[in-house]
Amino acid sequence: MHLRISAISFLNTAPLMWDFKNGGSADRLRQHFEISYTIPSRCAEQLKEGSADIGIIPVAAYTMIPDLLIVPDVAIAAKNKVRSILLVSKVAINKIRSVATDDSSRTSAALVEIYLRKFVGTDPGFSRQKPSLKEMLQWHDAALLIGDPALQARTDGYFVYDMAEEWKRWTGRPFVFAFWAIRKAALEGRTGEPNIAQVFQQSRNNGLHHIPEIAAAWAPKLGLSSGLISEYLTHNVDYSLDQENVEGLRLFFRYGAECGVLPPAPELQFLEQHRFAPQS
């Protein structure tokens, strides 16, 4: 029986999905995995309801879905500026009283709430909307855009805050936005699988070796230059889950619970690297 993967159709996940979509590796992986694409918040819902076994979930969802294992060493993170998580405001940061958040976001919405409450010292109202900057700012002081809409947004004349950069400035830590997680129940009774951690790590590695091809494919879709896309994928997004990133993740969970934005997070549990026999 195939393991069902729920993936995200954003540019920043393209390197992670390389082996699942290209060449002989895609043919081999189709023998073990079935993939569907959705938005980040729905990806988490599919994992929670059991309609997916593996998902690239917003990290905030880890606090709300029981019995998950994290695929080690793979994430969507940022060591500093990320460019695709933007708080766009008509007023200066300390004057924001209302924020429209992209309704496909969970982690970034929690990040903005923590940032404004804990570091700026304000307590605005929040409402979820479709990611249209013009409509979001019609009735709100500020708008949170994530992913491709943030990269495409025309923000001239507004105050623009890159949320990963702000987090780093206040905490000194990187920020982790998403990681691969797998339901423990989906692993029960499985033998002779490919090494799941290795599959996802290798796909990421191969994707990072093919950034020019990814950039060329996505440039016309997004109306952005391939150079800008390459820069984003190689310098803004960090695809590791190293110790520094894990520390940033734990701090986010701690602040989320302290601010009442997220429930207390369970201890981070990782899929064992060698739980399954390697693929023959």
C-alpha atoms as a PDB file:
ATOM      1  CA  MET A   1       0.000   0.000   0.000  1.00  0.00           C
ATOM      2  CA  HIS A   2       1.331   3.429  -0.958  1.00  0.00           C
ATOM      3  CA  LEU A   3       2.193   6.095   1.588  1.00  0.00           C
ATOM      4  CA  ARG A   4       0.113   9.182   0.785  1.00  0.00           C
ATOM      5  CA  ILE A   5       2.095  12.425   0.627  1.00  0.00           C
ATOM      6  CA  SER A   6       0.423  15.811   0.995  1.00  0.00           C
ATOM      7  CA  ALA A   7       2.712  18.443  -0.530  1.00  0.00           C
ATOM      8  CA  ILE A   8       2.509  22.191  -1.085  1.00  0.00           C
ATOM      9  CA  SER A   9       2.424  23.781  -4.518  1.00  0.00           C
ATOM     10  CA  PHE A  10       4.646  26.749  -3.625  1.00  0.00           C
ATOM     11  CA  LEU A  11       7.954  27.581  -5.257  1.00  0.00           C
ATOM     12  CA  ASN A  12       9.841  27.028  -2.017  1.00  0.00           C
ATOM     13  CA  THR A  13       8.888  23.337  -1.917  1.00  0.00           C
ATOM     14  CA  ALA A  14      10.057  22.648  -5.487  1.00  0.00           C
ATOM     15  CA  PRO A  15      13.612  21.582  -4.476  1.00  0.00           C
ATOM     16  CA  LEU A  16      12.180  19.176  -1.893  1.00  0.00           C
ATOM     17  CA  MET A  17      10.036  17.445  -4.511  1.00  0.00           C
ATOM     18  CA  TRP A  18      12.738  17.000  -7.180  1.00  0.00           C
ATOM     19  CA  ASP A  19      13.112  13.210  -7.028  1.00  0.00           C
ATOM     20  CA  PHE A  20       9.332  12.743  -6.872  1.00  0.00           C
ATOM     21  CA  LYS A  21       8.815  14.602 -10.162  1.00  0.00           C
ATOM     22  CA  ASN A  22      11.889  13.971 -12.290  1.00  0.00           C
ATOM     23  CA  GLY A  23      13.428  11.068 -14.167  1.00  0.00           C
ATOM     24  CA  GLY A  24      13.889   7.494 -13.066  1.00  0.00           C
ATOM     25  CA  SER A  25      13.691   8.380  -9.378  1.00  0.00           C
ATOM     26  CA  ALA A  26      10.090   9.550  -9.876  1.00  0.00           C
ATOM     27  CA  ASP A  27       9.170   6.208 -11.450  1.00  0.00           C
ATOM     28  CA  ARG A  28      10.746   4.290  -8.567  1.00  0.00           C
ATOM     29  CA  LEU A  29       9.164   6.448  -5.885  1.00  0.00           C
ATOM     30  CA  ARG A  30       5.709   6.046  -7.443  1.00  0.00           C
ATOM     31  CA  GLN A  31       5.903   2.396  -6.397  1.00  0.00           C
ATOM     32  CA  HIS A  32       5.873   3.526  -2.748  1.00  0.00           C
ATOM     33  CA  PHE A  33       4.333   7.007  -2.589  1.00  0.00           C
ATOM     34  CA  GLU A  34       1.206   8.747  -3.870  1.00  0.00           C
ATOM     35  CA  ILE A  35       1.369  12.582  -4.005  1.00  0.00           C
ATOM     36  CA  SER A  36      -1.274  15.297  -3.878  1.00  0.00           C
ATOM     37  CA  TYR A  37      -0.742  19.066  -3.722  1.00  0.00           C
ATOM     38  CA  THR A  38      -2.570  21.631  -1.609  1.00  0.00           C
ATOM     39  CA  ILE A  39      -2.031  24.739   0.572  1.00  0.00           C
ATOM     40  CA  PRO A  40      -0.034  24.594   3.844  1.00  0.00           C
ATOM     41  CA  SER A  41      -2.989  24.715   6.246  1.00  0.00           C
ATOM     42  CA  ARG A  42      -4.897  22.025   4.292  1.00  0.00           C
ATOM     43  CA  CYS A  43      -1.778  19.855   4.210  1.00  0.00           C
ATOM     44  CA  ALA A  44      -1.831  19.777   8.016  1.00  0.00           C
ATOM     45  CA  GLU A  45      -5.567  19.054   8.067  1.00  0.00           C
ATOM     46  CA  GLN A  46      -5.089  16.042   5.789  1.00  0.00           C
ATOM     47  CA  LEU A  47      -2.465  14.648   8.138  1.00  0.00           C
ATOM     48  CA  LYS A  48      -4.703  15.239  11.146  1.00  0.00           C
ATOM     49  CA  GLU A  49      -7.733  13.558   9.596  1.00  0.00           C
ATOM     50  CA  GLY A  50      -5.675  10.651   8.294  1.00  0.00           C
ATOM     51  CA  SER A  51      -6.271  11.261   4.576  1.00  0.00           C
ATOM     52  CA  ALA A  52      -2.500  11.742   4.188  1.00  0.00           C
ATOM     53  CA  ASP A  53       0.367   9.829   5.805  1.00  0.00           C
ATOM     54  CA  ILE A  54       3.224  12.275   5.211  1.00  0.00           C
ATOM     55  CA  GLY A  55       2.937  16.040   4.889  1.00  0.00           C
ATOM     56  CA  ILE A  56       5.134  19.108   4.572  1.00  0.00           C
ATOM     57  CA  ILE A  57       3.353  20.805   7.456  1.00  0.00           C
ATOM     58  CA  PRO A  58       3.583  24.304   8.915  1.00  0.00           C
ATOM     59  CA  VAL A  59       5.487  23.797  12.170  1.00  0.00           C
ATOM     60  CA  ALA A  60       2.607  25.285  14.200  1.00  0.00           C
ATOM     61  CA  ALA A  61       0.544  22.239  13.203  1.00  0.00           C
ATOM     62  CA  TYR A  62       2.951  19.992  15.147  1.00  0.00           C
ATOM     63  CA  THR A  63       1.461  21.411  18.343  1.00  0.00           C
ATOM     64  CA  MET A  64      -2.059  20.361  17.294  1.00  0.00           C
ATOM     65  CA  ILE A  65      -1.649  16.934  15.672  1.00  0.00           C
ATOM     66  CA  PRO A  66      -0.741  14.029  17.961  1.00  0.00           C
ATOM     67  CA  ASP A  67       1.643  11.151  17.210  1.00  0.00           C
ATOM     68  CA  LEU A  68       3.786  12.639  14.471  1.00  0.00           C
ATOM     69  CA  LEU A  69       7.412  11.928  13.638  1.00  0.00           C
ATOM     70  CA  ILE A  70       9.592  14.574  11.978  1.00  0.00           C
ATOM     71  CA  VAL A  71      11.756  13.600   9.018  1.00  0.00           C
ATOM     72  CA  PRO A  72      15.251  14.611  10.204  1.00  0.00           C
ATOM     73  CA  ASP A  73      17.460  17.253   8.569  1.00  0.00           C
ATOM     74  CA  VAL A  74      14.885  18.587   6.071  1.00  0.00           C
ATOM     75  CA  ALA A  75      12.921  21.813   6.543  1.00  0.00           C
ATOM     76  CA  ILE A  76      11.841  25.072   4.990  1.00  0.00           C
ATOM     77  CA  ALA A  77      13.622  27.615   7.147  1.00  0.00           C
ATOM     78  CA  ALA A  78      15.497  30.910   6.982  1.00  0.00           C
ATOM     79  CA  LYS A  79      18.737  31.923   8.644  1.00  0.00           C
ATOM     80  CA  ASN A  80      17.879  35.596   8.104  1.00  0.00           C
ATOM     81  CA  LYS A  81      15.711  37.403   5.509  1.00  0.00           C
ATOM     82  CA  VAL A  82      13.321  35.034   3.688  1.00  0.00           C
ATOM     83  CA  ARG A  83      11.425  37.417   1.321  1.00  0.00           C
ATOM     84  CA  SER A  84       8.344  35.203   1.155  1.00  0.00           C
ATOM     85  CA  ILE A  85       6.830  35.927   4.597  1.00  0.00           C
ATOM     86  CA  LEU A  86       5.972  39.619   4.616  1.00  0.00           C
ATOM     87  CA  LEU A  87       3.968  41.856   6.904  1.00  0.00           C
ATOM     88  CA  VAL A  88       2.904  44.743   4.639  1.00  0.00           C
ATOM     89  CA  SER A  89       1.490  47.746   6.468  1.00  0.00           C
ATOM     90  CA  LYS A  90      -0.051  51.132   5.771  1.00  0.00           C
ATOM     91  CA  VAL A  91       1.281  52.392   9.132  1.00  0.00           C
ATOM     92  CA  ALA A  92       4.441  52.009  11.203  1.00  0.00           C
ATOM     93  CA  ILE A  93       4.753  48.714  13.085  1.00  0.00           C
ATOM     94  CA  ASN A  94       3.818  50.132  16.511  1.00  0.00           C
ATOM     95  CA  LYS A  95       0.614  51.668  15.119  1.00  0.00           C
ATOM     96  CA  ILE A  96      -0.859  48.485  13.626  1.00  0.00           C
ATOM     97  CA  ARG A  97      -4.286  47.783  15.124  1.00  0.00           C
ATOM     98  CA  SER A  98      -5.656  45.229  12.661  1.00  0.00           C
ATOM     99  CA  VAL A  99      -3.987  42.534  10.548  1.00  0.00           C
ATOM    100  CA  ALA A 100      -5.387  40.413   7.721  1.00  0.00           C
ATOM    101  CA  THR A 101      -3.515  37.113   7.524  1.00  0.00           C
ATOM    102  CA  ASP A 102      -3.262  34.872   4.478  1.00  0.00           C
ATOM    103  CA  ASP A 103      -5.789  32.097   5.095  1.00  0.00           C
ATOM    104  CA  SER A 104      -3.336  29.460   3.829  1.00  0.00           C
ATOM    105  CA  SER A 105      -0.981  30.293   6.712  1.00  0.00           C
ATOM    106  CA  ARG A 106      -0.742  28.972  10.248  1.00  0.00           C
ATOM    107  CA  THR A 107       2.860  29.225  11.360  1.00  0.00           C
ATOM    108  CA  SER A 108       3.430  32.661   9.834  1.00  0.00           C
ATOM    109  CA  ALA A 109       0.193  33.980  11.350  1.00  0.00           C
ATOM    110  CA  ALA A 110       1.339  32.722  14.760  1.00  0.00           C
ATOM    111  CA  LEU A 111       4.762  34.301  14.180  1.00  0.00           C
ATOM    112  CA  VAL A 112       3.229  37.715  13.436  1.00  0.00           C
ATOM    113  CA  GLU A 113       1.015  37.512  16.506  1.00  0.00           C
ATOM    114  CA  ILE A 114       3.975  36.600  18.738  1.00  0.00           C
ATOM    115  CA  TYR A 115       6.123  39.305  17.163  1.00  0.00           C
ATOM    116  CA  LEU A 116       3.578  42.090  17.647  1.00  0.00           C
ATOM    117  CA  ARG A 117       2.632  41.066  21.175  1.00  0.00           C
ATOM    118  CA  LYS A 118       6.005  40.072  22.598  1.00  0.00           C
ATOM    119  CA  PHE A 119       8.487  42.289  20.771  1.00  0.00           C
ATOM    120  CA  VAL A 120       6.504  45.304  19.559  1.00  0.00           C
ATOM    121  CA  GLY A 121       4.132  45.428  22.540  1.00  0.00           C
ATOM    122  CA  THR A 122       0.850  45.812  20.656  1.00  0.00           C
ATOM    123  CA  ASP A 123      -2.243  43.619  20.606  1.00  0.00           C
ATOM    124  CA  PRO A 124      -4.043  44.078  17.270  1.00  0.00           C
ATOM    125  CA  GLY A 125      -6.990  42.146  15.935  1.00  0.00           C
ATOM    126  CA  PHE A 126      -6.465  39.402  13.349  1.00  0.00           C
ATOM    127  CA  SER A 127      -8.686  38.034  10.604  1.00  0.00           C
ATOM    128  CA  ARG A 128      -8.007  35.475   7.875  1.00  0.00           C
ATOM    129  CA  GLN A 129      -8.476  36.399   4.225  1.00  0.00           C
ATOM    130  CA  LYS A 130      -7.566  35.306   0.730  1.00  0.00           C
ATOM    131  CA  PRO A 131      -4.081  36.585  -0.210  1.00  0.00           C
ATOM    132  CA  SER A 132      -4.954  39.723  -2.160  1.00  0.00           C
ATOM    133  CA  LEU A 133      -2.947  42.658  -0.833  1.00  0.00           C
ATOM    134  CA  LYS A 134      -5.349  45.311  -2.092  1.00  0.00           C
ATOM    135  CA  GLU A 135      -8.403  43.644  -0.539  1.00  0.00           C
ATOM    136  CA  MET A 136      -6.581  42.790   2.690  1.00  0.00           C
ATOM    137  CA  LEU A 137      -5.521  46.396   3.205  1.00  0.00           C
ATOM    138  CA  GLN A 138      -8.950  47.797   2.362  1.00  0.00           C
ATOM    139  CA  TRP A 139     -10.184  47.222   5.918  1.00  0.00           C
ATOM    140  CA  HIS A 140      -6.972  46.458   7.808  1.00  0.00           C
ATOM    141  CA  ASP A 141      -3.823  48.343   8.761  1.00  0.00           C
ATOM    142  CA  ALA A 142      -1.566  45.477   7.695  1.00  0.00           C
ATOM    143  CA  ALA A 143      -1.547  42.244   5.712  1.00  0.00           C
ATOM    144  CA  LEU A 144       0.490  39.063   6.089  1.00  0.00           C
ATOM    145  CA  LEU A 145       1.451  37.468   2.778  1.00  0.00           C
ATOM    146  CA  ILE A 146       3.239  34.134   2.515  1.00  0.00           C
ATOM    147  CA  GLY A 147       4.816  32.075  -0.240  1.00  0.00           C
ATOM    148  CA  ASP A 148       4.419  32.991  -3.900  1.00  0.00           C
ATOM    149  CA  PRO A 149       1.945  35.887  -3.334  1.00  0.00           C
ATOM    150  CA  ALA A 150       4.561  37.523  -1.069  1.00  0.00           C
ATOM    151  CA  LEU A 151       7.249  37.177  -3.730  1.00  0.00           C
ATOM    152  CA  GLN A 152       4.923  38.648  -6.348  1.00  0.00           C
ATOM    153  CA  ALA A 153       3.478  41.475  -4.223  1.00  0.00           C
ATOM    154  CA  ARG A 154       3.924  45.117  -5.231  1.00  0.00           C
ATOM    155  CA  THR A 155       4.811  46.739  -1.916  1.00  0.00           C
ATOM    156  CA  ASP A 156       6.085  50.192  -2.951  1.00  0.00           C
ATOM    157  CA  GLY A 157       4.777  52.885  -0.631  1.00  0.00           C
ATOM    158  CA  TYR A 158       4.087  50.521   2.266  1.00  0.00           C
ATOM    159  CA  PHE A 159       5.998  49.599   5.402  1.00  0.00           C
ATOM    160  CA  VAL A 160       7.343  46.081   4.750  1.00  0.00           C
ATOM    161  CA  TYR A 161       8.600  43.746   7.463  1.00  0.00           C
ATOM    162  CA  ASP A 162      10.286  40.462   6.539  1.00  0.00           C
ATOM    163  CA  MET A 163       9.167  38.222   9.375  1.00  0.00           C
ATOM    164  CA  ALA A 164      12.135  35.850   9.344  1.00  0.00           C
ATOM    165  CA  GLU A 165      14.488  38.831   9.434  1.00  0.00           C
ATOM    166  CA  GLU A 166      12.540  40.390  12.316  1.00  0.00           C
ATOM    167  CA  TRP A 167      12.596  37.099  14.251  1.00  0.00           C
ATOM    168  CA  LYS A 168      16.361  36.832  13.782  1.00  0.00           C
ATOM    169  CA  ARG A 169      16.833  40.445  14.861  1.00  0.00           C
ATOM    170  CA  TRP A 170      14.915  39.915  18.100  1.00  0.00           C
ATOM    171  CA  THR A 171      15.953  36.379  19.024  1.00  0.00           C
ATOM    172  CA  GLY A 172      19.280  35.753  17.260  1.00  0.00           C
ATOM    173  CA  ARG A 173      17.831  32.471  15.957  1.00  0.00           C
ATOM    174  CA  PRO A 174      16.806  31.190  12.512  1.00  0.00           C
ATOM    175  CA  PHE A 175      13.142  30.516  11.871  1.00  0.00           C
ATOM    176  CA  VAL A 176      11.673  27.184  10.741  1.00  0.00           C
ATOM    177  CA  PHE A 177       8.442  27.443   8.770  1.00  0.00           C
ATOM    178  CA  ALA A 178       7.709  23.844   7.759  1.00  0.00           C
ATOM    179  CA  PHE A 179       9.038  20.294   7.870  1.00  0.00           C
ATOM    180  CA  TRP A 180       8.080  16.837   6.681  1.00  0.00           C
ATOM    181  CA  ALA A 181       6.093  14.883   9.266  1.00  0.00           C
ATOM    182  CA  ILE A 182       4.704  11.358   9.159  1.00  0.00           C
ATOM    183  CA  ARG A 183       1.900   9.793  11.171  1.00  0.00           C
ATOM    184  CA  LYS A 184       3.184   7.021  13.447  1.00  0.00           C
ATOM    185  CA  ALA A 185       0.098   4.968  12.622  1.00  0.00           C
ATOM    186  CA  ALA A 186       1.034   4.987   8.925  1.00  0.00           C
ATOM    187  CA  LEU A 187       4.255   3.115   9.703  1.00  0.00           C
ATOM    188  CA  GLU A 188       2.732   0.232  11.623  1.00  0.00           C
ATOM    189  CA  GLY A 189       3.354  -3.145  10.030  1.00  0.00           C
ATOM    190  CA  ARG A 190       5.454  -1.788   7.166  1.00  0.00           C
ATOM    191  CA  THR A 191       8.564  -3.703   6.176  1.00  0.00           C
ATOM    192  CA  GLY A 192      10.926  -3.552   3.223  1.00  0.00           C
ATOM    193  CA  GLU A 193      10.177   0.101   2.581  1.00  0.00           C
ATOM    194  CA  PRO A 194      12.799   2.433   1.219  1.00  0.00           C
ATOM    195  CA  ASN A 195      14.549   4.388   3.968  1.00  0.00           C
ATOM    196  CA  ILE A 196      11.996   7.192   4.257  1.00  0.00           C
ATOM    197  CA  ALA A 197      14.297   9.768   5.844  1.00  0.00           C
ATOM    198  CA  GLN A 198      16.905   9.057   3.194  1.00  0.00           C
ATOM    199  CA  VAL A 199      14.358   9.406   0.373  1.00  0.00           C
ATOM    200  CA  PHE A 200      13.326  12.903   1.464  1.00  0.00           C
ATOM    201  CA  GLN A 201      16.871  14.026   2.242  1.00  0.00           C
ATOM    202  CA  GLN A 202      18.120  12.785  -1.125  1.00  0.00           C
ATOM    203  CA  SER A 203      15.283  14.485  -2.984  1.00  0.00           C
ATOM    204  CA  ARG A 204      16.170  17.767  -1.267  1.00  0.00           C
ATOM    205  CA  ASN A 205      19.872  17.329  -2.097  1.00  0.00           C
ATOM    206  CA  ASN A 206      19.145  16.622  -5.750  1.00  0.00           C
ATOM    207  CA  GLY A 207      16.722  19.538  -5.952  1.00  0.00           C
ATOM    208  CA  LEU A 208      19.383  21.930  -4.669  1.00  0.00           C
ATOM    209  CA  HIS A 209      21.667  20.710  -7.458  1.00  0.00           C
ATOM    210  CA  HIS A 210      19.010  21.651 -10.031  1.00  0.00           C
ATOM    211  CA  ILE A 211      18.120  25.200  -8.973  1.00  0.00           C
ATOM    212  CA  PRO A 212      18.709  26.653 -12.481  1.00  0.00           C
ATOM    213  CA  GLU A 213      16.157  24.227 -13.982  1.00  0.00           C
ATOM    214  CA  ILE A 214      13.659  24.937 -11.183  1.00  0.00           C
ATOM    215  CA  ALA A 215      14.100  28.691 -11.607  1.00  0.00           C
ATOM    216  CA  ALA A 216      13.644  28.489 -15.384  1.00  0.00           C
ATOM    217  CA  ALA A 217      10.421  26.466 -14.973  1.00  0.00           C
ATOM    218  CA  TRP A 218       8.926  28.744 -12.299  1.00  0.00           C
ATOM    219  CA  ALA A 219       9.891  32.152 -13.722  1.00  0.00           C
ATOM    220  CA  PRO A 220       7.038  32.321 -16.286  1.00  0.00           C
ATOM    221  CA  LYS A 221       4.542  30.894 -13.767  1.00  0.00           C
ATOM    222  CA  LEU A 222       5.258  33.637 -11.238  1.00  0.00           C
ATOM    223  CA  GLY A 223       6.191  36.472 -13.579  1.00  0.00           C
ATOM    224  CA  LEU A 224       9.561  36.780 -11.827  1.00  0.00           C
ATOM    225  CA  SER A 225      13.073  36.581 -13.230  1.00  0.00           C
ATOM    226  CA  SER A 226      14.901  33.259 -13.000  1.00  0.00           C
ATOM    227  CA  GLY A 227      17.779  35.133 -11.338  1.00  0.00           C
ATOM    228  CA  LEU A 228      15.520  36.383  -8.549  1.00  0.00           C
ATOM    229  CA  ILE A 229      14.086  32.892  -8.075  1.00  0.00           C
ATOM    230  CA  SER A 230      17.557  31.285  -7.959  1.00  0.00           C
ATOM    231  CA  GLU A 231      18.669  33.847  -5.384  1.00  0.00           C
ATOM    232  CA  TYR A 232      15.586  33.137  -3.269  1.00  0.00           C
ATOM    233  CA  LEU A 233      16.039  29.347  -3.351  1.00  0.00           C
ATOM    234  CA  THR A 234      19.782  29.412  -2.660  1.00  0.00           C
ATOM    235  CA  HIS A 235      20.243  32.394  -0.317  1.00  0.00           C
ATOM    236  CA  ASN A 236      16.911  33.082   1.396  1.00  0.00           C
ATOM    237  CA  VAL A 237      15.451  29.642   2.045  1.00  0.00           C
ATOM    238  CA  ASP A 238      17.448  27.199   4.157  1.00  0.00           C
ATOM    239  CA  TYR A 239      16.439  23.580   3.621  1.00  0.00           C
ATOM    240  CA  SER A 240      18.174  22.066   6.641  1.00  0.00           C
ATOM    241  CA  LEU A 241      16.993  21.214  10.132  1.00  0.00           C
ATOM    242  CA  ASP A 242      20.353  21.638  11.823  1.00  0.00           C
ATOM    243  CA  GLN A 243      20.861  22.247  15.547  1.00  0.00           C
ATOM    244  CA  GLU A 244      20.623  26.029  15.165  1.00  0.00           C
ATOM    245  CA  ASN A 245      17.302  25.713  13.336  1.00  0.00           C
ATOM    246  CA  VAL A 246      15.978  23.269  15.942  1.00  0.00           C
ATOM    247  CA  GLU A 247      16.831  25.800  18.670  1.00  0.00           C
ATOM    248  CA  GLY A 248      14.894  28.474  16.780  1.00  0.00           C
ATOM    249  CA  LEU A 249      11.971  26.070  16.410  1.00  0.00           C
ATOM    250  CA  ARG A 250      11.896  25.266  20.139  1.00  0.00           C
ATOM    251  CA  LEU A 251      11.996  28.982  20.981  1.00  0.00           C
ATOM    252  CA  PHE A 252       9.051  29.644  18.649  1.00  0.00           C
ATOM    253  CA  PHE A 253       7.060  26.882  20.341  1.00  0.00           C
ATOM    254  CA  ARG A 254       7.949  28.291  23.772  1.00  0.00           C
ATOM    255  CA  TYR A 255       6.918  31.850  22.877  1.00  0.00           C
ATOM    256  CA  GLY A 256       3.782  30.578  21.152  1.00  0.00           C
ATOM    257  CA  ALA A 257       2.665  28.835  24.335  1.00  0.00           C
ATOM    258  CA  GLU A 258       3.658  31.804  26.538  1.00  0.00           C
ATOM    259  CA  CYS A 259       1.610  34.198  24.393  1.00  0.00           C
ATOM    260  CA  GLY A 260      -1.365  31.828  24.202  1.00  0.00           C
ATOM    261  CA  VAL A 261      -1.009  31.708  20.420  1.00  0.00           C
ATOM    262  CA  LEU A 262      -0.221  27.967  20.254  1.00  0.00           C
ATOM    263  CA  PRO A 263      -0.894  25.036  22.558  1.00  0.00           C
ATOM    264  CA  PRO A 264       2.174  23.659  24.358  1.00  0.00           C
ATOM    265  CA  ALA A 265       4.256  21.669  21.876  1.00  0.00           C
ATOM    266  CA  PRO A 266       5.066  17.998  22.440  1.00  0.00           C
ATOM    267  CA  GLU A 267       8.721  17.005  22.517  1.00  0.00           C
ATOM    268  CA  LEU A 268      10.248  16.854  19.043  1.00  0.00           C
ATOM    269  CA  GLN A 269      10.294  13.246  17.855  1.00  0.00           C
ATOM    270  CA  PHE A 270      12.270  12.293  14.758  1.00  0.00           C
ATOM    271  CA  LEU A 271      11.885   9.401  12.370  1.00  0.00           C
ATOM    272  CA  GLU A 272      14.792   7.073  12.940  1.00  0.00           C
ATOM    273  CA  GLN A 273      17.234   7.222  10.060  1.00  0.00           C
ATOM    274  CA  HIS A 274      17.478   3.454   9.663  1.00  0.00           C
ATOM    275  CA  ARG A 275      14.051   2.279  10.702  1.00  0.00           C
ATOM    276  CA  PHE A 276      13.433   0.638   7.328  1.00  0.00           C
ATOM    277  CA  ALA A 277      15.507  -1.608   5.151  1.00  0.00           C
ATOM    278  CA  PRO A 278      17.138   0.221   2.225  1.00  0.00           C
ATOM    279  CA  GLN A 279      15.512  -0.134  -1.170  1.00  0.00           C
ATOM    280  CA  SER A 280      17.048  -2.961  -3.168  1.00  0.00           C
END
